[in-house]
Amino acid sequence: MMEKDKIFFGESGLTTTSANYVANLAKESYQELEKELEAIRFYDLDVELLDGTNRKPLKKGTTSVAFQEKLETISQAKSLIAWLREAIKAKERLIKKAENLTFDEIAKELNFELPKYPEREEESKPITEDEYWATKNIKERNRFYELQTECAVIGQFIHPRGTFATEREALLKAINDPYELKGSGRDGILYTKTPSVSIADVEKIFYELQNLHRSYQAELNKLKHECEVAIQDSVTQANKENTLKSERYAALYKEYSNKMEILKTKAEEYKAEKAREAYSLKIIIPDSLKPIFDKVYKLGK
């Protein structure tokens, strides 16, 4: 209860309905007295014709100036009303405060030991290709890079549109058709193509390079496959770990939720009790206002 509002309430007293009723009676009780005071005159008023005949009294002036008792009654009645109205507002504030209590406010007031919200474990991630090769020693990593280079260089050289393949075709053509005439008559020029190496040597090195390329490529593919398998194994392992982590989190969250549900139920019960207490508060009457209260209260009977 707010410290400033305690003053209005006690073990016995008026309900809000009764306080409103008494306040309305008090208002009615002083309104008649105010009308009397508003009507006072300190002189008699007569009326007569201009010729001085038929003089008659019209209104009588006040014969007594003893207004203190009436003023005191009005003042007391208004003081009672002010007290009751402030008490009603204080009670409404307390009811509203009780009804609007938040869980955090109640938890602080009742010193709840709040469960810790569970944190998710960091998600497991599969290794990348770079991370896989980072686990290898110098020899293994360098061999992988060498094979990539060898396959690229030889493959480009013996590719159907590569230098070696193109010149091999040109050699075969030169053997089968060694002459080429450009121009005609006396201006004609005859070109003769004579092999500088034997076709057998070219064919031999061509197939050797092909075999070497296949060998390098097979070794490279084996290393790449090992990398892919390792990554896939890592994916499988990461998935298993993440499943376990999710299950652990779900269990922790369920435990957290159950504890919070119990605390929330207690908080709602506390909130309802506080609201009942606020609704049941009784408005007391100060000693100085009891005479006017008794006088006003009798008016309603």
C-alpha atoms as a PDB file:
ATOM      1  CA  MET A   1       0.000   0.000   0.000  1.00  0.00           C
ATOM      2  CA  MET A   2       1.263   3.485  -0.845  1.00  0.00           C
ATOM      3  CA  GLU A   3       2.418   5.234   2.328  1.00  0.00           C
ATOM      4  CA  LYS A   4       0.377   8.357   1.593  1.00  0.00           C
ATOM      5  CA  ASP A   5      -2.820   6.307   1.188  1.00  0.00           C
ATOM      6  CA  LYS A   6      -2.619   4.329   4.448  1.00  0.00           C
ATOM      7  CA  ILE A   7      -4.077   7.223   6.363  1.00  0.00           C
ATOM      8  CA  PHE A   8      -7.549   6.721   4.874  1.00  0.00           C
ATOM      9  CA  PHE A   9      -8.099   3.112   5.913  1.00  0.00           C
ATOM     10  CA  GLY A  10      -8.585   1.000   9.011  1.00  0.00           C
ATOM     11  CA  GLU A  11     -10.000  -2.292  10.243  1.00  0.00           C
ATOM     12  CA  SER A  12     -13.536  -0.895  10.332  1.00  0.00           C
ATOM     13  CA  GLY A  13     -15.133   1.855   8.338  1.00  0.00           C
ATOM     14  CA  LEU A  14     -17.077   2.585   5.174  1.00  0.00           C
ATOM     15  CA  THR A  15     -17.171   0.773   1.864  1.00  0.00           C
ATOM     16  CA  THR A  16     -16.810   2.809  -1.327  1.00  0.00           C
ATOM     17  CA  THR A  17     -20.577   2.679  -1.858  1.00  0.00           C
ATOM     18  CA  SER A  18     -21.289   3.886   1.682  1.00  0.00           C
ATOM     19  CA  ALA A  19     -18.668   6.622   1.405  1.00  0.00           C
ATOM     20  CA  ASN A  20     -20.258   7.904  -1.817  1.00  0.00           C
ATOM     21  CA  TYR A  21     -23.672   7.800  -0.184  1.00  0.00           C
ATOM     22  CA  VAL A  22     -22.524   9.789   2.864  1.00  0.00           C
ATOM     23  CA  ALA A  23     -20.717  12.310   0.635  1.00  0.00           C
ATOM     24  CA  ASN A  24     -23.947  12.903  -1.319  1.00  0.00           C
ATOM     25  CA  LEU A  25     -25.927  13.307   1.930  1.00  0.00           C
ATOM     26  CA  ALA A  26     -23.343  15.780   3.193  1.00  0.00           C
ATOM     27  CA  LYS A  27     -23.676  17.803  -0.003  1.00  0.00           C
ATOM     28  CA  GLU A  28     -27.455  17.944   0.373  1.00  0.00           C
ATOM     29  CA  SER A  29     -27.071  18.940   4.027  1.00  0.00           C
ATOM     30  CA  TYR A  30     -25.062  22.089   3.372  1.00  0.00           C
ATOM     31  CA  GLN A  31     -26.760  23.206   0.171  1.00  0.00           C
ATOM     32  CA  GLU A  32     -29.853  24.439   2.088  1.00  0.00           C
ATOM     33  CA  LEU A  33     -27.654  26.335   4.531  1.00  0.00           C
ATOM     34  CA  GLU A  34     -25.767  27.959   1.621  1.00  0.00           C
ATOM     35  CA  LYS A  35     -29.077  29.099   0.138  1.00  0.00           C
ATOM     36  CA  GLU A  36     -30.024  30.662   3.486  1.00  0.00           C
ATOM     37  CA  LEU A  37     -26.712  32.481   3.704  1.00  0.00           C
ATOM     38  CA  GLU A  38     -26.958  33.668   0.096  1.00  0.00           C
ATOM     39  CA  ALA A  39     -30.380  35.177   0.893  1.00  0.00           C
ATOM     40  CA  ILE A  40     -29.359  37.289   3.897  1.00  0.00           C
ATOM     41  CA  ARG A  41     -30.025  41.058   3.870  1.00  0.00           C
ATOM     42  CA  PHE A  42     -29.196  43.561   6.541  1.00  0.00           C
ATOM     43  CA  TYR A  43     -32.178  45.815   5.807  1.00  0.00           C
ATOM     44  CA  ASP A  44     -35.968  45.691   5.452  1.00  0.00           C
ATOM     45  CA  LEU A  45     -37.407  46.493   2.056  1.00  0.00           C
ATOM     46  CA  ASP A  46     -40.768  48.339   1.862  1.00  0.00           C
ATOM     47  CA  VAL A  47     -42.670  49.452  -1.189  1.00  0.00           C
ATOM     48  CA  GLU A  48     -45.093  52.411  -1.620  1.00  0.00           C
ATOM     49  CA  LEU A  49     -46.625  54.653  -4.203  1.00  0.00           C
ATOM     50  CA  LEU A  50     -44.939  57.899  -5.139  1.00  0.00           C
ATOM     51  CA  ASP A  51     -47.634  59.925  -3.290  1.00  0.00           C
ATOM     52  CA  GLY A  52     -46.534  58.263  -0.067  1.00  0.00           C
ATOM     53  CA  THR A  53     -49.620  56.126   0.367  1.00  0.00           C
ATOM     54  CA  ASN A  54     -50.029  52.354   0.649  1.00  0.00           C
ATOM     55  CA  ARG A  55     -46.530  51.685   2.080  1.00  0.00           C
ATOM     56  CA  LYS A  56     -46.111  47.977   2.575  1.00  0.00           C
ATOM     57  CA  PRO A  57     -43.216  45.759   3.718  1.00  0.00           C
ATOM     58  CA  LEU A  58     -41.773  43.737   0.790  1.00  0.00           C
ATOM     59  CA  LYS A  59     -38.833  41.861   2.376  1.00  0.00           C
ATOM     60  CA  LYS A  60     -37.609  41.582   5.914  1.00  0.00           C
ATOM     61  CA  GLY A  61     -33.944  41.994   6.712  1.00  0.00           C
ATOM     62  CA  THR A  62     -31.941  39.589   8.848  1.00  0.00           C
ATOM     63  CA  THR A  63     -32.442  40.132  12.528  1.00  0.00           C
ATOM     64  CA  SER A  64     -29.467  38.045  13.680  1.00  0.00           C
ATOM     65  CA  VAL A  65     -25.840  37.993  12.550  1.00  0.00           C
ATOM     66  CA  ALA A  66     -25.035  34.687  14.225  1.00  0.00           C
ATOM     67  CA  PHE A  67     -23.765  32.927  11.075  1.00  0.00           C
ATOM     68  CA  GLN A  68     -20.804  31.165  12.623  1.00  0.00           C
ATOM     69  CA  GLU A  69     -22.657  27.951  13.451  1.00  0.00           C
ATOM     70  CA  LYS A  70     -24.028  27.608   9.890  1.00  0.00           C
ATOM     71  CA  LEU A  71     -20.636  28.372   8.373  1.00  0.00           C
ATOM     72  CA  GLU A  72     -19.044  25.824  10.670  1.00  0.00           C
ATOM     73  CA  THR A  73     -21.626  23.222   9.632  1.00  0.00           C
ATOM     74  CA  ILE A  74     -21.016  23.944   5.921  1.00  0.00           C
ATOM     75  CA  SER A  75     -17.256  23.835   6.431  1.00  0.00           C
ATOM     76  CA  GLN A  76     -17.458  20.547   8.322  1.00  0.00           C
ATOM     77  CA  ALA A  77     -19.754  19.006   5.701  1.00  0.00           C
ATOM     78  CA  LYS A  78     -17.399  20.033   2.875  1.00  0.00           C
ATOM     79  CA  SER A  79     -14.403  18.754   4.857  1.00  0.00           C
ATOM     80  CA  LEU A  80     -16.159  15.426   5.282  1.00  0.00           C
ATOM     81  CA  ILE A  81     -16.861  15.306   1.543  1.00  0.00           C
ATOM     82  CA  ALA A  82     -13.226  16.172   0.713  1.00  0.00           C
ATOM     83  CA  TRP A  83     -11.995  13.438   3.029  1.00  0.00           C
ATOM     84  CA  LEU A  84     -14.353  10.841   1.594  1.00  0.00           C
ATOM     85  CA  ARG A  85     -13.606  11.776  -2.033  1.00  0.00           C
ATOM     86  CA  GLU A  86      -9.831  11.587  -1.451  1.00  0.00           C
ATOM     87  CA  ALA A  87     -10.241   8.266   0.343  1.00  0.00           C
ATOM     88  CA  ILE A  88     -12.275   6.886  -2.573  1.00  0.00           C
ATOM     89  CA  LYS A  89      -9.599   8.033  -5.046  1.00  0.00           C
ATOM     90  CA  ALA A  90      -6.895   6.487  -2.870  1.00  0.00           C
ATOM     91  CA  LYS A  91      -8.788   3.186  -2.808  1.00  0.00           C
ATOM     92  CA  GLU A  92      -9.228   3.279  -6.587  1.00  0.00           C
ATOM     93  CA  ARG A  93      -5.481   3.871  -6.968  1.00  0.00           C
ATOM     94  CA  LEU A  94      -4.719   0.869  -4.783  1.00  0.00           C
ATOM     95  CA  ILE A  95      -7.166  -1.338  -6.684  1.00  0.00           C
ATOM     96  CA  LYS A  96      -5.692  -0.235 -10.008  1.00  0.00           C
ATOM     97  CA  LYS A  97      -2.168  -0.780  -8.724  1.00  0.00           C
ATOM     98  CA  ALA A  98      -3.047  -4.293  -7.546  1.00  0.00           C
ATOM     99  CA  GLU A  99      -4.763  -5.178 -10.818  1.00  0.00           C
ATOM    100  CA  ASN A 100      -1.832  -3.840 -12.876  1.00  0.00           C
ATOM    101  CA  LEU A 101       0.952  -5.575 -10.952  1.00  0.00           C
ATOM    102  CA  THR A 102       3.449  -7.087 -13.379  1.00  0.00           C
ATOM    103  CA  PHE A 103       5.162 -10.423 -12.944  1.00  0.00           C
ATOM    104  CA  ASP A 104       8.530  -8.691 -12.484  1.00  0.00           C
ATOM    105  CA  GLU A 105       7.154  -6.461  -9.718  1.00  0.00           C
ATOM    106  CA  ILE A 106       5.640  -9.429  -7.900  1.00  0.00           C
ATOM    107  CA  ALA A 107       8.806 -11.487  -8.351  1.00  0.00           C
ATOM    108  CA  LYS A 108      10.832  -8.695  -6.767  1.00  0.00           C
ATOM    109  CA  GLU A 109       8.347  -8.224  -3.934  1.00  0.00           C
ATOM    110  CA  LEU A 110       8.193 -11.951  -3.131  1.00  0.00           C
ATOM    111  CA  ASN A 111      11.900 -12.555  -3.795  1.00  0.00           C
ATOM    112  CA  PHE A 112      11.262 -15.224  -6.402  1.00  0.00           C
ATOM    113  CA  GLU A 113      14.296 -17.257  -7.361  1.00  0.00           C
ATOM    114  CA  LEU A 114      13.864 -17.052 -11.114  1.00  0.00           C
ATOM    115  CA  PRO A 115      15.146 -19.947 -13.215  1.00  0.00           C
ATOM    116  CA  LYS A 116      17.856 -19.089 -15.708  1.00  0.00           C
ATOM    117  CA  TYR A 117      16.691 -18.925 -19.297  1.00  0.00           C
ATOM    118  CA  PRO A 118      18.459 -21.764 -21.143  1.00  0.00           C
ATOM    119  CA  GLU A 119      21.038 -20.832 -23.743  1.00  0.00           C
ATOM    120  CA  ARG A 120      21.420 -22.745 -26.972  1.00  0.00           C
ATOM    121  CA  GLU A 121      24.745 -24.454 -27.508  1.00  0.00           C
ATOM    122  CA  GLU A 122      26.739 -23.170 -30.441  1.00  0.00           C
ATOM    123  CA  GLU A 123      25.709 -24.986 -33.586  1.00  0.00           C
ATOM    124  CA  SER A 124      28.168 -27.596 -34.854  1.00  0.00           C
ATOM    125  CA  LYS A 125      29.294 -26.965 -38.415  1.00  0.00           C
ATOM    126  CA  PRO A 126      30.909 -29.370 -40.902  1.00  0.00           C
ATOM    127  CA  ILE A 127      34.448 -28.662 -42.010  1.00  0.00           C
ATOM    128  CA  THR A 128      35.113 -26.859 -45.261  1.00  0.00           C
ATOM    129  CA  GLU A 129      37.507 -27.973 -47.975  1.00  0.00           C
ATOM    130  CA  ASP A 130      40.086 -25.430 -46.805  1.00  0.00           C
ATOM    131  CA  GLU A 131      39.728 -26.643 -43.217  1.00  0.00           C
ATOM    132  CA  TYR A 132      40.210 -30.252 -44.379  1.00  0.00           C
ATOM    133  CA  TRP A 133      43.466 -29.464 -46.178  1.00  0.00           C
ATOM    134  CA  ALA A 134      44.610 -27.401 -43.201  1.00  0.00           C
ATOM    135  CA  THR A 135      44.753 -30.670 -41.238  1.00  0.00           C
ATOM    136  CA  LYS A 136      47.302 -32.159 -43.653  1.00  0.00           C
ATOM    137  CA  ASN A 137      51.081 -31.922 -43.331  1.00  0.00           C
ATOM    138  CA  ILE A 138      53.338 -30.028 -45.725  1.00  0.00           C
ATOM    139  CA  LYS A 139      54.045 -33.043 -47.940  1.00  0.00           C
ATOM    140  CA  GLU A 140      50.383 -33.991 -48.346  1.00  0.00           C
ATOM    141  CA  ARG A 141      49.198 -30.460 -49.012  1.00  0.00           C
ATOM    142  CA  ASN A 142      51.976 -29.752 -51.470  1.00  0.00           C
ATOM    143  CA  ARG A 143      51.258 -33.007 -53.328  1.00  0.00           C
ATOM    144  CA  PHE A 144      47.640 -31.927 -53.748  1.00  0.00           C
ATOM    145  CA  TYR A 145      48.683 -28.561 -55.172  1.00  0.00           C
ATOM    146  CA  GLU A 146      51.292 -30.248 -57.426  1.00  0.00           C
ATOM    147  CA  LEU A 147      48.730 -32.655 -58.857  1.00  0.00           C
ATOM    148  CA  GLN A 148      46.326 -29.810 -59.551  1.00  0.00           C
ATOM    149  CA  THR A 149      49.073 -27.967 -61.403  1.00  0.00           C
ATOM    150  CA  GLU A 150      50.330 -31.016 -63.331  1.00  0.00           C
ATOM    151  CA  CYS A 151      46.826 -31.943 -64.474  1.00  0.00           C
ATOM    152  CA  ALA A 152      46.110 -28.374 -65.538  1.00  0.00           C
ATOM    153  CA  VAL A 153      49.389 -27.905 -67.450  1.00  0.00           C
ATOM    154  CA  ILE A 154      49.443 -31.299 -69.197  1.00  0.00           C
ATOM    155  CA  GLY A 155      45.703 -31.287 -69.782  1.00  0.00           C
ATOM    156  CA  GLN A 156      45.860 -27.897 -71.447  1.00  0.00           C
ATOM    157  CA  PHE A 157      48.810 -29.029 -73.587  1.00  0.00           C
ATOM    158  CA  ILE A 158      47.227 -32.259 -74.912  1.00  0.00           C
ATOM    159  CA  HIS A 159      43.686 -30.971 -75.071  1.00  0.00           C
ATOM    160  CA  PRO A 160      42.104 -31.436 -78.559  1.00  0.00           C
ATOM    161  CA  ARG A 161      42.506 -27.710 -79.087  1.00  0.00           C
ATOM    162  CA  GLY A 162      45.797 -27.511 -77.197  1.00  0.00           C
ATOM    163  CA  THR A 163      49.214 -26.878 -78.734  1.00  0.00           C
ATOM    164  CA  PHE A 164      50.427 -30.494 -78.824  1.00  0.00           C
ATOM    165  CA  ALA A 165      47.224 -31.925 -80.289  1.00  0.00           C
ATOM    166  CA  THR A 166      47.019 -29.150 -82.865  1.00  0.00           C
ATOM    167  CA  GLU A 167      50.655 -29.615 -84.004  1.00  0.00           C
ATOM    168  CA  ARG A 168      50.246 -33.414 -84.054  1.00  0.00           C
ATOM    169  CA  GLU A 169      47.412 -33.004 -86.532  1.00  0.00           C
ATOM    170  CA  ALA A 170      49.526 -30.581 -88.545  1.00  0.00           C
ATOM    171  CA  LEU A 171      52.383 -33.098 -88.689  1.00  0.00           C
ATOM    172  CA  LEU A 172      50.103 -35.851 -89.970  1.00  0.00           C
ATOM    173  CA  LYS A 173      48.828 -33.485 -92.609  1.00  0.00           C
ATOM    174  CA  ALA A 174      52.389 -32.483 -93.589  1.00  0.00           C
ATOM    175  CA  ILE A 175      53.360 -36.143 -94.025  1.00  0.00           C
ATOM    176  CA  ASN A 176      50.354 -36.880 -96.180  1.00  0.00           C
ATOM    177  CA  ASP A 177      50.525 -33.635 -98.139  1.00  0.00           C
ATOM    178  CA  PRO A 178      54.018 -32.078 -97.784  1.00  0.00           C
ATOM    179  CA  TYR A 179      53.676 -29.479-100.590  1.00  0.00           C
ATOM    180  CA  GLU A 180      51.773 -26.252-100.666  1.00  0.00           C
ATOM    181  CA  LEU A 181      51.734 -23.888-103.684  1.00  0.00           C
ATOM    182  CA  LYS A 182      50.926 -20.260-103.204  1.00  0.00           C
ATOM    183  CA  GLY A 183      50.574 -17.966-106.166  1.00  0.00           C
ATOM    184  CA  SER A 184      50.866 -19.030-109.882  1.00  0.00           C
ATOM    185  CA  GLY A 185      53.203 -18.928-112.862  1.00  0.00           C
ATOM    186  CA  ARG A 186      56.603 -17.374-112.429  1.00  0.00           C
ATOM    187  CA  ASP A 187      55.364 -15.769-109.157  1.00  0.00           C
ATOM    188  CA  GLY A 188      54.286 -19.065-107.665  1.00  0.00           C
ATOM    189  CA  ILE A 189      56.011 -20.213-104.477  1.00  0.00           C
ATOM    190  CA  LEU A 190      56.163 -23.865-103.494  1.00  0.00           C
ATOM    191  CA  TYR A 191      56.355 -24.666 -99.786  1.00  0.00           C
ATOM    192  CA  THR A 192      57.635 -28.094 -98.757  1.00  0.00           C
ATOM    193  CA  LYS A 193      56.920 -29.463 -95.283  1.00  0.00           C
ATOM    194  CA  THR A 194      59.491 -31.921 -93.984  1.00  0.00           C
ATOM    195  CA  PRO A 195      58.928 -33.566 -90.551  1.00  0.00           C
ATOM    196  CA  SER A 196      61.533 -32.486 -87.982  1.00  0.00           C
ATOM    197  CA  VAL A 197      60.640 -35.399 -85.696  1.00  0.00           C
ATOM    198  CA  SER A 198      59.255 -38.772 -86.475  1.00  0.00           C
ATOM    199  CA  ILE A 199      55.517 -39.326 -86.230  1.00  0.00           C
ATOM    200  CA  ALA A 200      56.329 -42.392 -84.118  1.00  0.00           C
ATOM    201  CA  ASP A 201      58.089 -40.233 -81.509  1.00  0.00           C
ATOM    202  CA  VAL A 202      55.197 -37.762 -81.512  1.00  0.00           C
ATOM    203  CA  GLU A 203      52.637 -40.535 -81.130  1.00  0.00           C
ATOM    204  CA  LYS A 204      54.711 -42.138 -78.405  1.00  0.00           C
ATOM    205  CA  ILE A 205      55.037 -38.944 -76.346  1.00  0.00           C
ATOM    206  CA  PHE A 206      51.386 -38.084 -77.008  1.00  0.00           C
ATOM    207  CA  TYR A 207      50.174 -41.334 -75.474  1.00  0.00           C
ATOM    208  CA  GLU A 208      52.735 -41.103 -72.700  1.00  0.00           C
ATOM    209  CA  LEU A 209      51.442 -37.658 -71.798  1.00  0.00           C
ATOM    210  CA  GLN A 210      47.868 -38.937 -71.940  1.00  0.00           C
ATOM    211  CA  ASN A 211      48.749 -41.797 -69.608  1.00  0.00           C
ATOM    212  CA  LEU A 212      50.646 -39.475 -67.307  1.00  0.00           C
ATOM    213  CA  HIS A 213      47.711 -37.070 -67.246  1.00  0.00           C
ATOM    214  CA  ARG A 214      45.322 -39.927 -66.441  1.00  0.00           C
ATOM    215  CA  SER A 215      47.668 -41.094 -63.676  1.00  0.00           C
ATOM    216  CA  TYR A 216      47.909 -37.628 -62.152  1.00  0.00           C
ATOM    217  CA  GLN A 217      44.160 -37.120 -62.537  1.00  0.00           C
ATOM    218  CA  ALA A 218      43.411 -40.456 -60.863  1.00  0.00           C
ATOM    219  CA  GLU A 219      45.673 -39.590 -57.931  1.00  0.00           C
ATOM    220  CA  LEU A 220      44.123 -36.117 -57.711  1.00  0.00           C
ATOM    221  CA  ASN A 221      40.596 -37.569 -57.874  1.00  0.00           C
ATOM    222  CA  LYS A 222      41.508 -39.976 -55.075  1.00  0.00           C
ATOM    223  CA  LEU A 223      42.631 -37.085 -52.868  1.00  0.00           C
ATOM    224  CA  LYS A 224      39.527 -35.082 -53.766  1.00  0.00           C
ATOM    225  CA  HIS A 225      37.339 -38.071 -52.944  1.00  0.00           C
ATOM    226  CA  GLU A 226      39.021 -38.437 -49.573  1.00  0.00           C
ATOM    227  CA  CYS A 227      38.309 -34.770 -48.944  1.00  0.00           C
ATOM    228  CA  GLU A 228      34.654 -35.182 -49.977  1.00  0.00           C
ATOM    229  CA  VAL A 229      34.248 -38.229 -47.733  1.00  0.00           C
ATOM    230  CA  ALA A 230      35.799 -36.375 -44.811  1.00  0.00           C
ATOM    231  CA  ILE A 231      33.478 -33.411 -45.377  1.00  0.00           C
ATOM    232  CA  GLN A 232      30.428 -35.683 -45.672  1.00  0.00           C
ATOM    233  CA  ASP A 233      31.438 -37.497 -42.480  1.00  0.00           C
ATOM    234  CA  SER A 234      31.778 -34.086 -40.877  1.00  0.00           C
ATOM    235  CA  VAL A 235      28.287 -33.133 -42.083  1.00  0.00           C
ATOM    236  CA  THR A 236      26.847 -36.341 -40.608  1.00  0.00           C
ATOM    237  CA  GLN A 237      28.652 -35.763 -37.322  1.00  0.00           C
ATOM    238  CA  ALA A 238      27.566 -32.139 -37.160  1.00  0.00           C
ATOM    239  CA  ASN A 239      23.951 -33.148 -37.785  1.00  0.00           C
ATOM    240  CA  LYS A 240      24.107 -35.719 -34.979  1.00  0.00           C
ATOM    241  CA  GLU A 241      25.644 -33.213 -32.590  1.00  0.00           C
ATOM    242  CA  ASN A 242      23.062 -30.551 -33.497  1.00  0.00           C
ATOM    243  CA  THR A 243      20.234 -33.038 -32.948  1.00  0.00           C
ATOM    244  CA  LEU A 244      21.582 -33.822 -29.476  1.00  0.00           C
ATOM    245  CA  LYS A 245      22.027 -30.128 -28.750  1.00  0.00           C
ATOM    246  CA  SER A 246      18.435 -29.434 -29.818  1.00  0.00           C
ATOM    247  CA  GLU A 247      17.180 -32.247 -27.593  1.00  0.00           C
ATOM    248  CA  ARG A 248      19.191 -30.945 -24.631  1.00  0.00           C
ATOM    249  CA  TYR A 249      17.887 -27.421 -25.222  1.00  0.00           C
ATOM    250  CA  ALA A 250      14.290 -28.672 -25.498  1.00  0.00           C
ATOM    251  CA  ALA A 251      14.643 -30.501 -22.174  1.00  0.00           C
ATOM    252  CA  LEU A 252      16.154 -27.455 -20.468  1.00  0.00           C
ATOM    253  CA  TYR A 253      13.504 -25.160 -21.933  1.00  0.00           C
ATOM    254  CA  LYS A 254      10.720 -27.477 -20.775  1.00  0.00           C
ATOM    255  CA  GLU A 255      12.177 -27.473 -17.265  1.00  0.00           C
ATOM    256  CA  TYR A 256      12.477 -23.669 -17.395  1.00  0.00           C
ATOM    257  CA  SER A 257       8.887 -23.314 -18.649  1.00  0.00           C
ATOM    258  CA  ASN A 258       7.517 -25.568 -15.917  1.00  0.00           C
ATOM    259  CA  LYS A 259       9.276 -23.577 -13.196  1.00  0.00           C
ATOM    260  CA  MET A 260       8.124 -20.289 -14.704  1.00  0.00           C
ATOM    261  CA  GLU A 261       4.542 -21.597 -14.940  1.00  0.00           C
ATOM    262  CA  ILE A 262       4.564 -22.381 -11.223  1.00  0.00           C
ATOM    263  CA  LEU A 263       5.917 -18.918 -10.413  1.00  0.00           C
ATOM    264  CA  LYS A 264       3.379 -17.243 -12.700  1.00  0.00           C
ATOM    265  CA  THR A 265       0.559 -19.111 -10.970  1.00  0.00           C
ATOM    266  CA  LYS A 266       1.861 -17.918  -7.593  1.00  0.00           C
ATOM    267  CA  ALA A 267       2.138 -14.394  -8.982  1.00  0.00           C
ATOM    268  CA  GLU A 268      -1.470 -14.462 -10.231  1.00  0.00           C
ATOM    269  CA  GLU A 269      -2.656 -15.707  -6.841  1.00  0.00           C
ATOM    270  CA  TYR A 270      -0.711 -12.934  -5.118  1.00  0.00           C
ATOM    271  CA  LYS A 271      -2.125 -10.376  -7.540  1.00  0.00           C
ATOM    272  CA  ALA A 272      -5.691 -11.572  -6.924  1.00  0.00           C
ATOM    273  CA  GLU A 273      -5.144 -11.450  -3.154  1.00  0.00           C
ATOM    274  CA  LYS A 274      -3.807  -7.895  -3.370  1.00  0.00           C
ATOM    275  CA  ALA A 275      -6.821  -6.875  -5.438  1.00  0.00           C
ATOM    276  CA  ARG A 276      -9.182  -8.457  -2.876  1.00  0.00           C
ATOM    277  CA  GLU A 277      -7.377  -6.609  -0.095  1.00  0.00           C
ATOM    278  CA  ALA A 278      -7.716  -3.332  -1.963  1.00  0.00           C
ATOM    279  CA  TYR A 279     -11.415  -3.878  -2.657  1.00  0.00           C
ATOM    280  CA  SER A 280     -12.070  -4.727   1.001  1.00  0.00           C
ATOM    281  CA  LEU A 281     -10.375  -1.635   2.446  1.00  0.00           C
ATOM    282  CA  LYS A 282     -12.588   0.312   4.860  1.00  0.00           C
ATOM    283  CA  ILE A 283     -12.578   4.106   4.877  1.00  0.00           C
ATOM    284  CA  ILE A 284     -12.213   5.544   8.373  1.00  0.00           C
ATOM    285  CA  ILE A 285     -13.555   8.878   9.609  1.00  0.00           C
ATOM    286  CA  PRO A 286     -11.155  11.202  11.495  1.00  0.00           C
ATOM    287  CA  ASP A 287     -12.216  12.070  15.054  1.00  0.00           C
ATOM    288  CA  SER A 288     -12.715  15.720  14.141  1.00  0.00           C
ATOM    289  CA  LEU A 289     -15.222  14.759  11.430  1.00  0.00           C
ATOM    290  CA  LYS A 290     -17.200  12.189  13.430  1.00  0.00           C
ATOM    291  CA  PRO A 291     -19.761  14.718  14.763  1.00  0.00           C
ATOM    292  CA  ILE A 292     -20.664  15.942  11.269  1.00  0.00           C
ATOM    293  CA  PHE A 293     -20.560  12.365   9.980  1.00  0.00           C
ATOM    294  CA  ASP A 294     -23.030  11.218  12.653  1.00  0.00           C
ATOM    295  CA  LYS A 295     -25.271  14.193  11.915  1.00  0.00           C
ATOM    296  CA  VAL A 296     -25.212  13.611   8.153  1.00  0.00           C
ATOM    297  CA  TYR A 297     -25.577   9.839   8.460  1.00  0.00           C
ATOM    298  CA  LYS A 298     -28.775  10.279  10.479  1.00  0.00           C
ATOM    299  CA  LEU A 299     -30.247  12.234   7.580  1.00  0.00           C
ATOM    300  CA  GLY A 300     -30.235   9.095   5.469  1.00  0.00           C
ATOM    301  CA  LYS A 301     -32.287   7.097   7.960  1.00  0.00           C
END
